[in-house]
Amino acid sequence: MDGLDPRAVHASPEPVTDEGQGAFPGTAPTGTFDPWRYRDESGVTGADLVGYQVEATDGSIGKIDEASHEVNASYLVVETGPWIFGRTVVLPAGTVSHVDHGTRTVHVDRSRDQIKAAPEYDATDRDPAFRNRLGGYYDDTYAPVPPGTAR
């Protein structure tokens, strides 16, 4: 390590992008957000995520009950346990920032409050409007103005 000046700046002032998926791993995509597609760098490809724990940006939210890998329609169904007692949430695939297969943990780039405020999931409701509301909600969480704020 000789020759390194501890006062020198060694990082680029510009964030490195990964084909429009985000300035830094786990951050909002820089291009168009697709809520129903896993990000290429997330580490999901072909993995069975059922039973994995889910971590929001500020803590655990529960355990994956169901994981879909449908083309352009992928999502996770998460049983929240005591965090939101008796509630199940659906997370579109695009919210997954990365997966740690060693610890069986899926990391999403949303806070617990953002997930809690999402449209409520009803397993008996197969209405396509729910999918549109949910995708729109998570798309809006990348907007500069928080969801639910008058624009």
Protein backbone atom coordinates (compact mmCIF):
# COMPACT_ATOMS: atom_id res chain seq x y z
CA MET A 1 0.00 0.00 0.00
CA ASP A 2 3.00 2.29 -0.12
CA GLY A 3 2.69 5.37 -2.26
CA LEU A 4 -0.95 6.11 -1.39
CA ASP A 5 -1.58 9.58 -0.05
CA PRO A 6 -4.41 9.33 2.55
CA ARG A 7 -5.42 12.92 1.75
CA ALA A 8 -5.81 12.23 -1.98
CA VAL A 9 -9.20 11.64 -3.55
CA HIS A 10 -9.19 8.33 -5.42
CA ALA A 11 -12.79 8.15 -6.57
CA SER A 12 -14.34 9.51 -9.71
CA PRO A 13 -16.67 12.47 -9.14
CA GLU A 14 -19.17 10.83 -11.52
CA PRO A 15 -21.11 7.71 -10.45
CA VAL A 16 -20.55 4.63 -12.53
CA THR A 17 -23.72 3.48 -14.28
CA ASP A 18 -24.60 -0.07 -15.23
CA GLU A 19 -26.63 0.03 -18.43
CA GLY A 20 -29.28 2.32 -16.95
CA GLN A 21 -29.86 0.24 -13.82
CA GLY A 22 -28.70 2.84 -11.31
CA ALA A 23 -25.84 5.12 -10.47
CA PHE A 24 -24.74 2.84 -7.66
CA PRO A 25 -25.77 -0.79 -6.98
CA GLY A 26 -29.14 -0.86 -5.30
CA THR A 27 -30.16 2.67 -6.20
CA ALA A 28 -32.92 3.91 -8.46
CA PRO A 29 -32.47 3.09 -12.12
CA THR A 30 -31.22 6.00 -14.21
CA GLY A 31 -33.35 4.95 -17.19
CA THR A 32 -36.98 3.95 -17.26
CA PHE A 33 -37.98 1.98 -14.18
CA ASP A 34 -39.63 -1.35 -15.04
CA PRO A 35 -41.33 -2.57 -11.87
CA TRP A 36 -42.02 -6.03 -13.28
CA ARG A 37 -38.49 -7.03 -14.32
CA TYR A 38 -35.57 -8.01 -12.06
CA ARG A 39 -32.49 -5.87 -12.58
CA ASP A 40 -29.67 -7.67 -14.34
CA GLU A 41 -27.22 -7.13 -11.47
CA SER A 42 -29.64 -8.19 -8.72
CA GLY A 43 -28.45 -11.83 -8.72
CA VAL A 44 -31.95 -13.31 -9.03
CA THR A 45 -31.59 -15.16 -12.35
CA GLY A 46 -33.02 -18.66 -11.97
CA ALA A 47 -32.96 -18.64 -8.16
CA ASP A 48 -35.81 -20.01 -6.04
CA LEU A 49 -36.33 -17.18 -3.55
CA VAL A 50 -39.18 -18.75 -1.55
CA GLY A 51 -38.20 -18.74 2.12
CA TYR A 52 -35.63 -15.95 1.78
CA GLN A 53 -35.79 -13.03 4.22
CA VAL A 54 -36.50 -9.57 2.79
CA GLU A 55 -34.62 -6.48 3.95
CA ALA A 56 -35.83 -2.97 3.20
CA THR A 57 -33.38 -0.07 3.34
CA ASP A 58 -34.17 0.36 7.03
CA GLY A 59 -34.84 -3.14 8.33
CA SER A 60 -36.45 -6.51 7.86
CA ILE A 61 -39.96 -6.77 6.43
CA GLY A 62 -40.61 -10.51 6.32
CA LYS A 63 -40.17 -13.73 4.41
CA ILE A 64 -40.90 -14.57 0.76
CA ASP A 65 -43.98 -16.74 0.37
CA GLU A 66 -44.05 -16.75 -3.44
CA ALA A 67 -41.66 -15.58 -6.15
CA SER A 68 -42.61 -15.11 -9.78
CA HIS A 69 -40.15 -15.18 -12.66
CA GLU A 70 -42.66 -14.43 -15.42
CA VAL A 71 -41.27 -12.34 -18.25
CA ASN A 72 -42.22 -8.69 -17.66
CA ALA A 73 -44.53 -9.71 -14.79
CA SER A 74 -42.18 -10.80 -11.98
CA TYR A 75 -42.92 -10.09 -8.33
CA LEU A 76 -42.42 -11.28 -4.75
CA VAL A 77 -45.20 -12.05 -2.27
CA VAL A 78 -43.90 -11.34 1.24
CA GLU A 79 -45.49 -12.47 4.51
CA THR A 80 -44.75 -9.62 6.90
CA GLY A 81 -45.31 -11.55 10.13
CA PRO A 82 -45.38 -9.34 13.25
CA TRP A 83 -44.14 -6.24 11.43
CA ILE A 84 -47.57 -5.59 9.84
CA PHE A 85 -49.56 -8.30 11.58
CA GLY A 86 -51.58 -10.47 9.22
CA ARG A 87 -50.64 -8.54 6.09
CA THR A 88 -49.02 -9.82 2.95
CA VAL A 89 -47.32 -7.41 0.57
CA VAL A 90 -46.40 -7.70 -3.09
CA LEU A 91 -43.10 -6.26 -4.23
CA PRO A 92 -42.56 -5.81 -7.95
CA ALA A 93 -39.31 -7.41 -9.16
CA GLY A 94 -37.80 -4.03 -10.02
CA THR A 95 -37.55 -3.14 -6.33
CA VAL A 96 -34.98 -5.91 -5.74
CA SER A 97 -31.53 -4.34 -5.60
CA HIS A 98 -29.54 -7.49 -4.83
CA VAL A 99 -29.72 -10.99 -3.38
CA ASP A 100 -27.31 -12.54 -0.89
CA HIS A 101 -27.70 -16.26 -1.48
CA GLY A 102 -25.28 -17.06 1.37
CA THR A 103 -27.59 -15.52 3.97
CA ARG A 104 -30.77 -16.20 1.94
CA THR A 105 -31.66 -12.51 1.98
CA VAL A 106 -33.28 -10.35 -0.70
CA HIS A 107 -32.53 -6.62 -0.41
CA VAL A 108 -35.02 -4.12 -1.80
CA ASP A 109 -34.40 -0.43 -2.37
CA ARG A 110 -37.48 0.84 -0.54
CA SER A 111 -38.04 1.78 3.09
CA ARG A 112 -40.41 -0.04 5.42
CA ASP A 113 -42.74 2.98 5.36
CA GLN A 114 -42.85 3.00 1.55
CA ILE A 115 -43.70 -0.70 1.51
CA LYS A 116 -46.30 -0.31 4.26
CA ALA A 117 -48.00 2.53 2.30
CA ALA A 118 -48.23 0.47 -0.92
CA PRO A 119 -51.63 -0.64 -2.24
CA GLU A 120 -52.85 -3.55 -0.12
CA TYR A 121 -52.62 -7.03 -1.63
CA ASP A 122 -55.66 -9.28 -1.76
CA ALA A 123 -54.84 -12.82 -2.97
CA THR A 124 -58.41 -13.27 -4.22
CA ASP A 125 -58.29 -10.10 -6.35
CA ARG A 126 -56.95 -10.94 -9.82
CA ASP A 127 -57.91 -7.54 -11.23
CA PRO A 128 -55.23 -6.16 -13.63
CA ALA A 129 -55.98 -2.71 -12.17
CA PHE A 130 -54.24 -3.79 -8.93
CA ARG A 131 -51.06 -4.58 -10.87
CA ASN A 132 -51.26 -1.17 -12.56
CA ARG A 133 -51.81 0.64 -9.23
CA LEU A 134 -48.96 -1.25 -7.58
CA GLY A 135 -46.54 -0.67 -10.47
CA GLY A 136 -47.51 3.01 -10.58
CA TYR A 137 -47.03 3.37 -6.84
CA TYR A 138 -43.50 1.94 -6.90
CA ASP A 139 -42.66 3.91 -10.05
CA ASP A 140 -43.75 7.09 -8.22
CA THR A 141 -41.41 6.30 -5.30
CA TYR A 142 -38.51 7.16 -7.65
CA ALA A 143 -40.05 10.54 -8.45
CA PRO A 144 -38.55 13.67 -6.88
CA VAL A 145 -41.92 14.37 -5.22
CA PRO A 146 -43.03 11.69 -2.69
CA PRO A 147 -46.09 9.55 -3.57
CA GLY A 148 -49.39 11.03 -2.46
CA THR A 149 -48.08 14.61 -2.65
CA ALA A 150 -50.00 17.06 -4.83
CA ARG A 151 -48.10 17.79 -8.03
